[in-house]
Structures are given as structure tokens and as C-alpha cells.
């Protein structure tokens, strides 16, 4: 990373902050829009380059909104995972797409969307900003973290207590094994 890339990331982050902060609770707030869309069990699809943002979103939804969430890379989504859509359930696909995904990744997104549309499966697309990988990842993480908090508030869930983690931590010494990262 060079200074120009870091400054680009900060500039985009500043713009995003103005759009998603809690002083902007209208339809133009993209984090609130995502939060209002989520219901059922989110199934997050992502390209390999945006994996860390997808994992962070999954973890934020777990911790903040106390939701079960599934995660799948786009290549696998177009292989074995696609057959799970032959059954109906309450999973809701969220597609985390890069502005400049590789041409083969774009083709996979198109095929997956065509399949969802043919099966009348509603999906949500979330796009990265343009720019270097740092800019994309930081902005996606920021946007999706806010979405998870807005979802928790909308559902009347306090994101701060993590009683399940506290339970596991309290039992670690009994079993003589480190189950949870002690740095958290």
C-alpha cells in the first residue's frame, strides 16, 4: 500500500460516512436500506478478492443482530451450492460484488442472477466502491457493519451483550482448552 492508496481509501470512507451515519435515516442511506431488506437467513455470496469483507459481514450479523448467516464464494455458489435452491426455505441471497470483478466472475454473477430471477428468488446486490483493494474492503466493511447495527436496532436487539461468548469463555478452563480468542 502506498500513501495515495491510503488517502483514496480515507476519501471514499469520508463520503460513505456522510451517507450512512445515524443523522441520515432516510431511503438514501445504503446501510439502512440493506438492513431493511434483510429477513430470514442471509446467505452471503462474494468473489474471492472480497472474502474478508464478506466474512466480516457474516460475523457482524452474528454478533450484532444475533442471526444465523451463511457464506459462499461465487464459484462454489455456481457449482454444488446452487442445488440447495431447488428447495424453498427462508434463506435470502446477498451478493457482494466488486465494481471491477474479473470477467469470469461477472459471468458467474450474471448466471446466478438469471437463475434467481427464473426461480423468483429475491436477492440483494451490494457493490464495492471503485478503487484499490484497500478502498473496496474498508468501505464494504464500514457499510456492512453499519447495516448489521441498523438491523439489530430495527429488530429491537441490543448488539452489545454477547452472552453466548461469555458462556463459552466461562467454561474454557473447565475443559482445559482455549475455545475463544482471549484477545477479545
C-alpha atoms as a PDB file:
ATOM      1  CA  UNK A   1       0.000   0.000   0.000  1.00  0.00           C
ATOM      2  CA  UNK A   2       1.253   3.446  -0.800  1.00  0.00           C
ATOM      3  CA  UNK A   3       0.199   6.839   0.541  1.00  0.00           C
ATOM      4  CA  UNK A   4      -2.006   7.608  -2.482  1.00  0.00           C
ATOM      5  CA  UNK A   5      -4.000   4.382  -1.970  1.00  0.00           C
ATOM      6  CA  UNK A   6      -4.458   5.073   1.734  1.00  0.00           C
ATOM      7  CA  UNK A   7      -5.621   8.635   1.048  1.00  0.00           C
ATOM      8  CA  UNK A   8      -8.036   7.331  -1.603  1.00  0.00           C
ATOM      9  CA  UNK A   9      -9.478   4.939   0.974  1.00  0.00           C
ATOM     10  CA  UNK A  10      -9.943   7.723   3.502  1.00  0.00           C
ATOM     11  CA  UNK A  11     -11.624   9.999   0.940  1.00  0.00           C
ATOM     12  CA  UNK A  12     -14.127   7.279  -0.005  1.00  0.00           C
ATOM     13  CA  UNK A  13     -14.679   6.450   3.665  1.00  0.00           C
ATOM     14  CA  UNK A  14     -15.463  10.101   4.417  1.00  0.00           C
ATOM     15  CA  UNK A  15     -18.082  10.146   1.649  1.00  0.00           C
ATOM     16  CA  UNK A  16     -19.605   6.890   2.859  1.00  0.00           C
ATOM     17  CA  UNK A  17     -19.734   8.116   6.466  1.00  0.00           C
ATOM     18  CA  UNK A  18     -21.902  11.058   5.383  1.00  0.00           C
ATOM     19  CA  UNK A  19     -24.323   8.664   3.658  1.00  0.00           C
ATOM     20  CA  UNK A  20     -24.687   6.049   6.404  1.00  0.00           C
ATOM     21  CA  UNK A  21     -24.383   7.898   9.705  1.00  0.00           C
ATOM     22  CA  UNK A  22     -27.325   7.935  12.091  1.00  0.00           C
ATOM     23  CA  UNK A  23     -28.161  11.545  11.207  1.00  0.00           C
ATOM     24  CA  UNK A  24     -29.239  10.266   7.784  1.00  0.00           C
ATOM     25  CA  UNK A  25     -32.045   7.807   8.411  1.00  0.00           C
ATOM     26  CA  UNK A  26     -33.840   8.162   5.085  1.00  0.00           C
ATOM     27  CA  UNK A  27     -34.120   5.997   1.972  1.00  0.00           C
ATOM     28  CA  UNK A  28     -30.795   7.284   0.654  1.00  0.00           C
ATOM     29  CA  UNK A  29     -28.857   5.625   3.484  1.00  0.00           C
ATOM     30  CA  UNK A  30     -27.419   2.460   1.863  1.00  0.00           C
ATOM     31  CA  UNK A  31     -26.666   0.712   5.185  1.00  0.00           C
ATOM     32  CA  UNK A  32     -30.233   1.263   6.386  1.00  0.00           C
ATOM     33  CA  UNK A  33     -31.547   0.076   3.014  1.00  0.00           C
ATOM     34  CA  UNK A  34     -29.583  -3.185   3.364  1.00  0.00           C
ATOM     35  CA  UNK A  35     -30.759  -3.624   6.977  1.00  0.00           C
ATOM     36  CA  UNK A  36     -34.393  -3.111   5.971  1.00  0.00           C
ATOM     37  CA  UNK A  37     -34.029  -5.683   3.192  1.00  0.00           C
ATOM     38  CA  UNK A  38     -32.609  -8.461   5.368  1.00  0.00           C
ATOM     39  CA  UNK A  39     -35.019 -11.063   6.667  1.00  0.00           C
ATOM     40  CA  UNK A  40     -34.792 -14.780   7.161  1.00  0.00           C
ATOM     41  CA  UNK A  41     -31.295 -16.223   6.986  1.00  0.00           C
ATOM     42  CA  UNK A  42     -28.833 -14.145   4.949  1.00  0.00           C
ATOM     43  CA  UNK A  43     -26.738 -16.168   2.525  1.00  0.00           C
ATOM     44  CA  UNK A  44     -23.788 -14.014   1.501  1.00  0.00           C
ATOM     45  CA  UNK A  45     -22.115 -14.642  -1.854  1.00  0.00           C
ATOM     46  CA  UNK A  46     -18.783 -12.999  -2.633  1.00  0.00           C
ATOM     47  CA  UNK A  47     -15.825 -13.122  -5.054  1.00  0.00           C
ATOM     48  CA  UNK A  48     -12.524 -14.316  -3.583  1.00  0.00           C
ATOM     49  CA  UNK A  49     -10.996 -10.821  -3.550  1.00  0.00           C
ATOM     50  CA  UNK A  50     -13.731  -9.547  -1.236  1.00  0.00           C
ATOM     51  CA  UNK A  51     -13.721 -12.555   1.082  1.00  0.00           C
ATOM     52  CA  UNK A  52     -12.550 -10.606   4.134  1.00  0.00           C
ATOM     53  CA  UNK A  53     -15.434  -8.106   3.819  1.00  0.00           C
ATOM     54  CA  UNK A  54     -17.916 -10.974   3.424  1.00  0.00           C
ATOM     55  CA  UNK A  55     -16.575 -12.812   6.473  1.00  0.00           C
ATOM     56  CA  UNK A  56     -16.643  -9.599   8.493  1.00  0.00           C
ATOM     57  CA  UNK A  57     -20.280  -9.005   7.441  1.00  0.00           C
ATOM     58  CA  UNK A  58     -21.213 -12.538   8.486  1.00  0.00           C
ATOM     59  CA  UNK A  59     -19.510 -12.082  11.843  1.00  0.00           C
ATOM     60  CA  UNK A  60     -21.134  -8.668  12.375  1.00  0.00           C
ATOM     61  CA  UNK A  61     -24.572 -10.102  11.645  1.00  0.00           C
ATOM     62  CA  UNK A  62     -23.866 -12.927  14.099  1.00  0.00           C
ATOM     63  CA  UNK A  63     -22.689 -10.647  16.870  1.00  0.00           C
ATOM     64  CA  UNK A  64     -24.814  -7.526  16.381  1.00  0.00           C
ATOM     65  CA  UNK A  65     -28.109  -8.870  15.032  1.00  0.00           C
ATOM     66  CA  UNK A  66     -27.770 -12.353  16.595  1.00  0.00           C
ATOM     67  CA  UNK A  67     -28.591 -14.015  13.241  1.00  0.00           C
ATOM     68  CA  UNK A  68     -27.610 -17.284  11.646  1.00  0.00           C
ATOM     69  CA  UNK A  69     -25.764 -16.423   8.425  1.00  0.00           C
ATOM     70  CA  UNK A  70     -24.248 -18.495   5.639  1.00  0.00           C
ATOM     71  CA  UNK A  71     -21.387 -17.562   3.375  1.00  0.00           C
ATOM     72  CA  UNK A  72     -20.307 -18.893  -0.019  1.00  0.00           C
ATOM     73  CA  UNK A  73     -17.740 -17.911  -2.634  1.00  0.00           C
ATOM     74  CA  UNK A  74     -19.288 -17.241  -6.064  1.00  0.00           C
ATOM     75  CA  UNK A  75     -17.506 -20.120  -7.824  1.00  0.00           C
ATOM     76  CA  UNK A  76     -18.920 -22.660  -5.373  1.00  0.00           C
ATOM     77  CA  UNK A  77     -22.289 -20.893  -5.496  1.00  0.00           C
ATOM     78  CA  UNK A  78     -22.431 -21.755  -9.204  1.00  0.00           C
ATOM     79  CA  UNK A  79     -21.430 -25.365  -8.547  1.00  0.00           C
ATOM     80  CA  UNK A  80     -22.701 -27.612  -5.741  1.00  0.00           C
ATOM     81  CA  UNK A  81     -24.282 -24.867  -3.653  1.00  0.00           C
ATOM     82  CA  UNK A  82     -26.759 -23.883  -6.377  1.00  0.00           C
ATOM     83  CA  UNK A  83     -28.694 -27.144  -5.966  1.00  0.00           C
ATOM     84  CA  UNK A  84     -29.815 -26.096  -2.487  1.00  0.00           C
ATOM     85  CA  UNK A  85     -32.038 -23.503  -4.180  1.00  0.00           C
ATOM     86  CA  UNK A  86     -34.147 -26.311  -5.631  1.00  0.00           C
ATOM     87  CA  UNK A  87     -35.850 -26.323  -2.224  1.00  0.00           C
ATOM     88  CA  UNK A  88     -37.608 -23.322  -0.778  1.00  0.00           C
ATOM     89  CA  UNK A  89     -36.601 -22.016   2.601  1.00  0.00           C
ATOM     90  CA  UNK A  90     -36.094 -18.682   4.307  1.00  0.00           C
ATOM     91  CA  UNK A  91     -32.551 -18.034   3.030  1.00  0.00           C
ATOM     92  CA  UNK A  92     -32.055 -14.615   1.416  1.00  0.00           C
ATOM     93  CA  UNK A  93     -29.130 -14.155  -1.009  1.00  0.00           C
ATOM     94  CA  UNK A  94     -26.922 -11.097  -0.656  1.00  0.00           C
ATOM     95  CA  UNK A  95     -24.412 -10.652  -3.482  1.00  0.00           C
ATOM     96  CA  UNK A  96     -21.285  -8.712  -2.555  1.00  0.00           C
ATOM     97  CA  UNK A  97     -19.884  -7.663  -5.916  1.00  0.00           C
ATOM     98  CA  UNK A  98     -16.772  -5.767  -6.878  1.00  0.00           C
ATOM     99  CA  UNK A  99     -17.096  -2.805  -9.216  1.00  0.00           C
ATOM    100  CA  UNK A 100     -14.431  -4.344 -11.395  1.00  0.00           C
ATOM    101  CA  UNK A 101     -14.758  -8.086 -10.820  1.00  0.00           C
ATOM    102  CA  UNK A 102     -12.892 -10.323 -13.254  1.00  0.00           C
ATOM    103  CA  UNK A 103     -14.802 -11.105 -16.462  1.00  0.00           C
ATOM    104  CA  UNK A 104     -15.371 -14.735 -15.429  1.00  0.00           C
ATOM    105  CA  UNK A 105     -16.673 -13.598 -12.038  1.00  0.00           C
ATOM    106  CA  UNK A 106     -19.043 -11.157 -13.756  1.00  0.00           C
ATOM    107  CA  UNK A 107     -20.310 -14.013 -15.936  1.00  0.00           C
ATOM    108  CA  UNK A 108     -20.929 -16.154 -12.825  1.00  0.00           C
ATOM    109  CA  UNK A 109     -22.838 -13.280 -11.184  1.00  0.00           C
ATOM    110  CA  UNK A 110     -24.978 -12.963 -14.298  1.00  0.00           C
ATOM    111  CA  UNK A 111     -25.755 -16.687 -14.384  1.00  0.00           C
ATOM    112  CA  UNK A 112     -26.600 -16.731 -10.680  1.00  0.00           C
ATOM    113  CA  UNK A 113     -28.895 -13.704 -11.023  1.00  0.00           C
ATOM    114  CA  UNK A 114     -30.618 -15.246 -14.045  1.00  0.00           C
ATOM    115  CA  UNK A 115     -31.212 -18.411 -12.012  1.00  0.00           C
ATOM    116  CA  UNK A 116     -32.621 -16.450  -9.062  1.00  0.00           C
ATOM    117  CA  UNK A 117     -34.879 -14.440 -11.363  1.00  0.00           C
ATOM    118  CA  UNK A 118     -36.151 -17.583 -13.112  1.00  0.00           C
ATOM    119  CA  UNK A 119     -36.921 -19.143  -9.707  1.00  0.00           C
ATOM    120  CA  UNK A 120     -38.385 -15.845  -8.399  1.00  0.00           C
ATOM    121  CA  UNK A 121     -35.810 -15.705  -5.608  1.00  0.00           C
ATOM    122  CA  UNK A 122     -35.352 -12.154  -4.393  1.00  0.00           C
ATOM    123  CA  UNK A 123     -31.713 -11.142  -3.928  1.00  0.00           C
ATOM    124  CA  UNK A 124     -29.834  -8.029  -2.850  1.00  0.00           C
ATOM    125  CA  UNK A 125     -26.747  -6.712  -4.603  1.00  0.00           C
ATOM    126  CA  UNK A 126     -24.116  -4.776  -2.651  1.00  0.00           C
ATOM    127  CA  UNK A 127     -21.349  -3.231  -4.732  1.00  0.00           C
ATOM    128  CA  UNK A 128     -17.897  -2.145  -3.640  1.00  0.00           C
ATOM    129  CA  UNK A 129     -16.738   1.342  -4.472  1.00  0.00           C
ATOM    130  CA  UNK A 130     -14.235   1.729  -7.281  1.00  0.00           C
ATOM    131  CA  UNK A 131     -10.593   1.933  -6.389  1.00  0.00           C
ATOM    132  CA  UNK A 132      -7.789  -0.114  -4.937  1.00  0.00           C
ATOM    133  CA  UNK A 133      -8.430  -3.231  -2.837  1.00  0.00           C
ATOM    134  CA  UNK A 134      -7.942  -1.366   0.459  1.00  0.00           C
ATOM    135  CA  UNK A 135     -10.566   1.182  -0.549  1.00  0.00           C
ATOM    136  CA  UNK A 136     -13.004  -1.549  -1.569  1.00  0.00           C
ATOM    137  CA  UNK A 137     -12.566  -3.641   1.565  1.00  0.00           C
ATOM    138  CA  UNK A 138     -12.608  -0.813   4.106  1.00  0.00           C
ATOM    139  CA  UNK A 139     -15.675   0.781   2.565  1.00  0.00           C
ATOM    140  CA  UNK A 140     -17.563  -2.514   2.324  1.00  0.00           C
ATOM    141  CA  UNK A 141     -16.716  -3.396   5.917  1.00  0.00           C
ATOM    142  CA  UNK A 142     -17.838   0.025   7.136  1.00  0.00           C
ATOM    143  CA  UNK A 143     -21.090  -0.084   5.150  1.00  0.00           C
ATOM    144  CA  UNK A 144     -21.934  -3.649   6.153  1.00  0.00           C
ATOM    145  CA  UNK A 145     -21.037  -3.137   9.829  1.00  0.00           C
ATOM    146  CA  UNK A 146     -23.485  -0.240   9.928  1.00  0.00           C
ATOM    147  CA  UNK A 147     -26.094  -2.399   8.187  1.00  0.00           C
ATOM    148  CA  UNK A 148     -25.710  -5.072  10.885  1.00  0.00           C
ATOM    149  CA  UNK A 149     -26.157  -2.490  13.648  1.00  0.00           C
ATOM    150  CA  UNK A 150     -29.171  -0.894  11.953  1.00  0.00           C
ATOM    151  CA  UNK A 151     -30.688  -4.368  11.568  1.00  0.00           C
ATOM    152  CA  UNK A 152     -30.164  -5.083  15.279  1.00  0.00           C
ATOM    153  CA  UNK A 153     -31.814  -1.796  16.238  1.00  0.00           C
ATOM    154  CA  UNK A 154     -34.689  -2.409  13.807  1.00  0.00           C
ATOM    155  CA  UNK A 155     -35.244  -5.859  15.354  1.00  0.00           C
ATOM    156  CA  UNK A 156     -35.034  -4.489  18.898  1.00  0.00           C
ATOM    157  CA  UNK A 157     -31.800  -6.356  19.632  1.00  0.00           C
ATOM    158  CA  UNK A 158     -29.067  -4.822  21.769  1.00  0.00           C
ATOM    159  CA  UNK A 159     -25.870  -5.554  19.811  1.00  0.00           C
ATOM    160  CA  UNK A 160     -23.531  -5.134  22.767  1.00  0.00           C
ATOM    161  CA  UNK A 161     -24.121  -8.145  25.027  1.00  0.00           C
ATOM    162  CA  UNK A 162     -22.552 -11.365  23.801  1.00  0.00           C
ATOM    163  CA  UNK A 163     -23.850 -13.781  26.416  1.00  0.00           C
ATOM    164  CA  UNK A 164     -23.041 -16.840  24.322  1.00  0.00           C
ATOM    165  CA  UNK A 165     -19.396 -15.842  24.047  1.00  0.00           C
ATOM    166  CA  UNK A 166     -19.328 -15.089  27.777  1.00  0.00           C
ATOM    167  CA  UNK A 167     -20.736 -18.579  28.424  1.00  0.00           C
ATOM    168  CA  UNK A 168     -18.050 -20.239  26.298  1.00  0.00           C
ATOM    169  CA  UNK A 169     -15.282 -18.164  27.905  1.00  0.00           C
ATOM    170  CA  UNK A 170     -16.519 -19.063  31.371  1.00  0.00           C
ATOM    171  CA  UNK A 171     -16.253 -22.790  30.542  1.00  0.00           C
ATOM    172  CA  UNK A 172     -12.845 -22.807  28.839  1.00  0.00           C
ATOM    173  CA  UNK A 173     -10.878 -23.519  31.992  1.00  0.00           C
ATOM    174  CA  UNK A 174     -13.111 -26.495  32.833  1.00  0.00           C
ATOM    175  CA  UNK A 175     -12.126 -28.251  29.620  1.00  0.00           C
ATOM    176  CA  UNK A 176      -8.537 -27.025  29.599  1.00  0.00           C
ATOM    177  CA  UNK A 177      -8.750 -25.678  26.077  1.00  0.00           C
ATOM    178  CA  UNK A 178      -8.850 -22.232  24.528  1.00  0.00           C
ATOM    179  CA  UNK A 179     -12.161 -22.076  22.658  1.00  0.00           C
ATOM    180  CA  UNK A 180     -12.355 -18.338  22.131  1.00  0.00           C
ATOM    181  CA  UNK A 181      -9.557 -15.920  21.263  1.00  0.00           C
ATOM    182  CA  UNK A 182      -8.514 -14.450  24.652  1.00  0.00           C
ATOM    183  CA  UNK A 183      -7.509 -11.159  22.990  1.00  0.00           C
ATOM    184  CA  UNK A 184     -11.159 -10.187  22.568  1.00  0.00           C
END
